[in-house]
Amino acid sequence: MKIQIKFPPPSEKQKEFLMDRHKHIGYGGARGGGKSHAVRMKAVGLGFRFPGIKMAIVRRTYPELMKNHVEPLKKILNVGHPDKNKRAAVYNKTERVMTLLNGSTISFMYCDNERQLERFQGLEIDVLFIDEATQYDELWLKKMVACVRGVNGFPKRVY
């Protein structure tokens, strides 16, 4: 059985973001401009295109992550659907990791103080999405971005 995932059509700005292949990609704009939605679309797209890719989405707080990414992705990917054949992913609440059927993962990380920033020490991921990057100072961003590394064939990108 083939699972279909449906997103609404992207706006022109979202299309530009989704098609960009640079290592560092920024997407700004006013509230309600679809930035978080574009992040979700890109993460799911990369996850299914590259089986086994490791990604992380970062926000300041865990409640922001839940509201802006985890809950919408659970809905889009049918996480928790009673029919296991209709699920495109599973979510481990304890580890805060969503695993797609092909083994790709999206980790959900929050960081609003120095201690939480230490969680990035030693982490190795392929793609990092920093949602609301303007809320972080340059040193913190550099520490987060340092996690985007590895010797596999996956793209290494920061959004």
Foldseek 3Di string as FASTA:
>chain_A
DDADFDDPDDDPLLVVQLPDQDQEDDDDDDPPNCPLVSVQVNLVVLCVVDQQAEEEEEEADPVCCVVSPVVVNCVRQVEPPPPPVNGQWYADPVQQWIAGPSGYIYHYAHHNDPVSLCVLVPAAGQEYEYPPCVVDDPVSVVSNLVNNDDDDPRHRHYD
